Amino acid sequence: MIFKDRKEAGEKLAEKLRALKDEDMVIYALPRGGVVLGKVIAKALGQPLDLLVVRKVGHPTDPEYAVGAVAEDGHTRFSEEGEGLQKELKESIEKERKEAERRRKVYTEDKTISALGKTAVIVDDGIATGLTMELAISEILHQKPKKVIVAIPVVPSDTAEKLKKEIDELVAIDIDKNYLGAVGAYYEFFPQLTDEEVINLLKY
C-alpha cells in the first residue's frame, strides 16, 4: 500500500487503534518522522504523546545501512554483522548517542512520561531492519508497562514475525512479503522533518 503522507498513515493507524481509546495509555513516537503519526494518533485517541529517542548506527563503509541502534541512555542493539564491528563502530555509536540525547533536550526539555503500569503504544512511520524498533521496545520494557503495542504503517513480514515475539500486539496496515527496500517507497510525500517541525508538533 502507498500512503499519501505520514498524516494519512497516522489516521489509518488511529482507526485501527480506536478500540483501545479508553485504556490508560501513552503514545511513544520515534523522531523525527514518527512524531507526525504519533501526534495524529494521540489526538484521535485523546492520549498523551511522548518520544522514544533511538538512533540508527550505520555500517562503517555505508552509513545508510543499519547494523545497530543506540538509545539516549547508551543502551544498544546490533545485528549479527554489527556485533562483529564493535571496534569500528565505537565513534559512530557515541556520536549517535549524543544526537539522541540532544534531541530529547531540544524536543521535550528532558521531560518524559512513564509507561509504568500503562499501555505503551510505540509509533514510527515505517520499519526496515527493525533494529531501532527492537531497541525502542527494549527501552519501554525497562519501564514495566502493562502492555506494549507497536503501531506501524508498513513492516517487512519477517521483521513483523520477529517483533511479535517481543510485544503484546502489532498493529500494522501493510505487512509486506515483498518489501520495497525503504520506508520512503511507501509514501507519495516523504520529506525529512526539521527539529522545529518536531517541536511544533509536540506543542499543540
Protein backbone atom coordinates (compact mmCIF):
# COMPACT_ATOMS: atom_id res chain seq x y z
CA MET A 1 0.00 0.00 0.00
CA ILE A 2 1.20 3.53 -0.80
CA PHE A 3 0.30 6.30 1.65
CA LYS A 4 -0.24 9.90 0.58
CA ASP A 5 1.85 11.17 3.52
CA ARG A 6 2.62 10.50 7.18
CA LYS A 7 -0.61 12.19 8.31
CA GLU A 8 -2.72 9.76 6.27
CA ALA A 9 -0.73 6.80 7.65
CA GLY A 10 -1.35 8.10 11.18
CA GLU A 11 -5.09 8.43 10.55
CA LYS A 12 -5.29 4.83 9.28
CA LEU A 13 -3.43 3.58 12.36
CA ALA A 14 -5.64 5.66 14.66
CA GLU A 15 -8.70 3.93 13.16
CA LYS A 16 -7.20 0.52 13.93
CA LEU A 17 -6.33 1.62 17.48
CA ARG A 18 -9.70 3.23 18.25
CA ALA A 19 -10.92 0.20 20.21
CA LEU A 20 -8.22 0.98 22.80
CA LYS A 21 -9.42 4.56 23.35
CA ASP A 22 -10.44 4.11 26.98
CA GLU A 23 -7.22 2.36 28.04
CA ASP A 24 -4.69 4.13 30.25
CA MET A 25 -2.03 4.57 27.59
CA VAL A 26 0.84 6.70 26.35
CA ILE A 27 1.75 7.12 22.67
CA TYR A 28 5.52 6.98 22.18
CA ALA A 29 6.75 8.27 18.81
CA LEU A 30 10.20 7.73 17.29
CA PRO A 31 11.51 11.06 15.99
CA ARG A 32 11.61 12.59 13.66
CA GLY A 33 9.14 11.06 11.15
CA GLY A 34 7.20 9.03 13.69
CA VAL A 35 6.16 12.19 15.55
CA VAL A 36 3.74 13.16 12.76
CA LEU A 37 1.90 9.84 13.12
CA GLY A 38 2.19 9.89 16.91
CA LYS A 39 0.54 13.31 17.07
CA VAL A 40 -2.37 12.22 14.86
CA ILE A 41 -2.91 9.04 16.93
CA ALA A 42 -2.58 10.77 20.32
CA LYS A 43 -5.09 13.43 19.28
CA ALA A 44 -7.56 10.89 17.84
CA LEU A 45 -7.43 8.73 20.98
CA GLY A 46 -7.20 11.58 23.48
CA GLN A 47 -3.96 10.22 24.95
CA PRO A 48 -0.62 11.82 25.92
CA LEU A 49 2.31 11.83 23.48
CA ASP A 50 5.96 11.30 24.39
CA LEU A 51 9.10 10.32 22.49
CA LEU A 52 11.39 7.32 22.39
CA VAL A 53 14.69 8.63 21.08
CA VAL A 54 16.74 5.91 19.42
CA ARG A 55 19.26 6.34 16.61
CA LYS A 56 20.35 4.08 13.81
CA VAL A 57 24.04 3.08 13.75
CA GLY A 58 25.19 2.64 10.15
CA HIS A 59 27.83 0.32 8.69
CA PRO A 60 31.34 1.90 8.69
CA THR A 61 31.50 1.84 4.88
CA ASP A 62 27.80 2.51 4.22
CA PRO A 63 26.18 4.76 6.89
CA GLU A 64 22.69 4.29 5.40
CA TYR A 65 22.87 0.53 6.00
CA ALA A 66 21.80 -0.06 9.62
CA VAL A 67 23.81 -2.57 11.63
CA GLY A 68 22.75 -1.30 15.05
CA ALA A 69 20.83 1.21 17.13
CA VAL A 70 21.61 3.25 20.23
CA ALA A 71 19.31 4.97 22.74
CA GLU A 72 19.87 8.22 24.62
CA ASP A 73 20.82 6.27 27.77
CA GLY A 74 23.52 4.34 25.87
CA HIS A 75 21.66 1.03 25.51
CA THR A 76 22.33 -0.64 22.16
CA ARG A 77 21.01 -3.34 19.83
CA PHE A 78 23.03 -4.84 16.94
CA SER A 79 22.55 -7.18 14.04
CA GLU A 80 24.87 -10.18 13.80
CA GLU A 81 27.01 -8.18 11.39
CA GLY A 82 27.08 -5.21 13.74
CA GLU A 83 28.22 -7.37 16.66
CA GLY A 84 31.42 -8.10 14.76
CA LEU A 85 32.10 -4.42 14.06
CA GLN A 86 32.12 -3.03 17.62
CA LYS A 87 35.64 -1.56 17.43
CA GLU A 88 34.99 0.20 14.12
CA LEU A 89 31.61 1.47 15.31
CA LYS A 90 32.75 2.92 18.66
CA GLU A 91 32.90 6.55 17.47
CA SER A 92 29.69 6.26 15.49
CA ILE A 93 27.80 4.80 18.48
CA GLU A 94 28.89 7.68 20.72
CA LYS A 95 28.04 10.27 18.07
CA GLU A 96 24.53 8.85 17.63
CA ARG A 97 24.02 8.55 21.41
CA LYS A 98 24.88 12.25 21.79
CA GLU A 99 22.47 13.12 18.98
CA ALA A 100 19.70 11.13 20.72
CA GLU A 101 20.44 12.99 23.97
CA ARG A 102 20.41 16.33 22.13
CA ARG A 103 17.07 15.56 20.53
CA ARG A 104 15.47 14.69 23.87
CA LYS A 105 16.65 18.02 25.35
CA VAL A 106 15.60 20.08 22.34
CA TYR A 107 12.25 18.39 21.77
CA THR A 108 10.98 17.82 25.32
CA GLU A 109 13.35 19.73 27.64
CA ASP A 110 14.16 16.35 29.22
CA LYS A 111 10.52 15.77 30.27
CA THR A 112 9.28 12.19 29.95
CA ILE A 113 6.05 10.29 30.65
CA SER A 114 6.47 6.98 32.46
CA ALA A 115 4.97 3.83 30.94
CA LEU A 116 4.75 2.13 34.34
CA GLY A 117 1.53 0.12 34.54
CA LYS A 118 0.19 1.65 31.31
CA THR A 119 -0.33 0.51 27.74
CA ALA A 120 2.64 1.81 25.72
CA VAL A 121 1.95 2.33 22.01
CA ILE A 122 5.19 2.74 20.05
CA VAL A 123 4.78 4.52 16.71
CA ASP A 124 7.05 5.14 13.72
CA ASP A 125 6.49 5.93 10.04
CA GLY A 126 7.73 2.50 8.96
CA ILE A 127 10.19 -0.27 9.71
CA ALA A 128 13.03 -1.66 7.58
CA THR A 129 15.56 -3.79 9.51
CA GLY A 130 13.66 -3.37 12.79
CA LEU A 131 16.79 -2.65 14.87
CA THR A 132 15.68 0.80 16.08
CA MET A 133 12.20 -0.54 16.88
CA GLU A 134 13.65 -3.55 18.75
CA LEU A 135 15.71 -1.17 20.88
CA ALA A 136 12.70 1.12 21.43
CA ILE A 137 10.71 -1.89 22.67
CA SER A 138 13.56 -2.84 25.00
CA GLU A 139 13.69 0.72 26.38
CA ILE A 140 9.96 0.70 27.12
CA LEU A 141 10.06 -2.73 28.75
CA HIS A 142 12.54 -1.34 31.32
CA GLN A 143 9.69 0.92 32.48
CA LYS A 144 7.40 -2.06 33.25
CA PRO A 145 4.31 -1.17 31.19
CA LYS A 146 1.12 -3.22 31.46
CA LYS A 147 1.16 -3.85 27.70
CA VAL A 148 3.33 -2.95 24.67
CA ILE A 149 1.80 -2.32 21.25
CA VAL A 150 3.75 -1.36 18.13
CA ALA A 151 1.68 0.66 15.64
CA ILE A 152 3.30 0.90 12.22
CA PRO A 153 2.09 1.65 8.66
CA VAL A 154 4.47 -0.77 6.93
CA VAL A 155 6.82 -3.55 8.01
CA PRO A 156 8.53 -6.46 6.20
CA SER A 157 6.81 -9.77 7.04
CA ASP A 158 9.95 -11.37 8.50
CA THR A 159 10.58 -8.36 10.76
CA ALA A 160 6.92 -8.41 11.83
CA GLU A 161 7.22 -12.03 12.98
CA LYS A 162 10.35 -11.17 14.98
CA LEU A 163 8.73 -8.16 16.67
CA LYS A 164 5.58 -10.08 17.60
CA LYS A 165 7.68 -12.26 19.91
CA GLU A 166 8.74 -9.19 21.95
CA ILE A 167 5.43 -7.33 22.28
CA ASP A 168 1.76 -7.90 23.14
CA GLU A 169 0.35 -6.71 19.82
CA LEU A 170 1.48 -5.49 16.40
CA VAL A 171 -0.93 -3.11 14.68
CA ALA A 172 0.13 -2.66 11.04
CA ILE A 173 -1.53 -1.51 7.82
CA ASP A 174 0.83 -3.35 5.46
CA ILE A 175 2.87 -6.41 6.44
CA ASP A 176 4.77 -6.80 3.17
CA LYS A 177 6.24 -10.11 1.99
CA ASN A 178 7.91 -8.27 -0.89
CA TYR A 179 9.33 -5.29 0.98
CA LEU A 180 10.33 -2.42 -1.32
CA GLY A 181 13.65 -1.81 0.45
CA ALA A 182 12.98 1.60 2.03
CA VAL A 183 10.22 3.16 4.12
CA GLY A 184 10.02 6.18 1.78
CA ALA A 185 8.98 3.89 -1.09
CA TYR A 186 5.59 3.51 0.62
CA TYR A 187 4.81 7.25 0.61
CA GLU A 188 3.99 9.71 -2.16
CA PHE A 189 5.22 12.59 0.03
CA PHE A 190 8.00 11.74 2.50
CA PRO A 191 10.07 14.82 3.43
CA GLN A 192 12.65 14.86 6.21
CA LEU A 193 11.40 16.78 9.25
CA THR A 194 13.36 19.56 10.94
CA ASP A 195 13.84 19.99 14.69
CA GLU A 196 11.50 22.99 14.54
CA GLU A 197 8.72 20.94 12.96
CA VAL A 198 9.01 18.28 15.66
CA ILE A 199 8.95 20.91 18.44
CA ASN A 200 5.83 22.49 16.92
CA LEU A 201 4.08 19.11 16.66
CA LEU A 202 4.74 18.47 20.36
CA LYS A 203 3.46 21.90 21.42
CA TYR A 204 -0.20 21.58 20.43
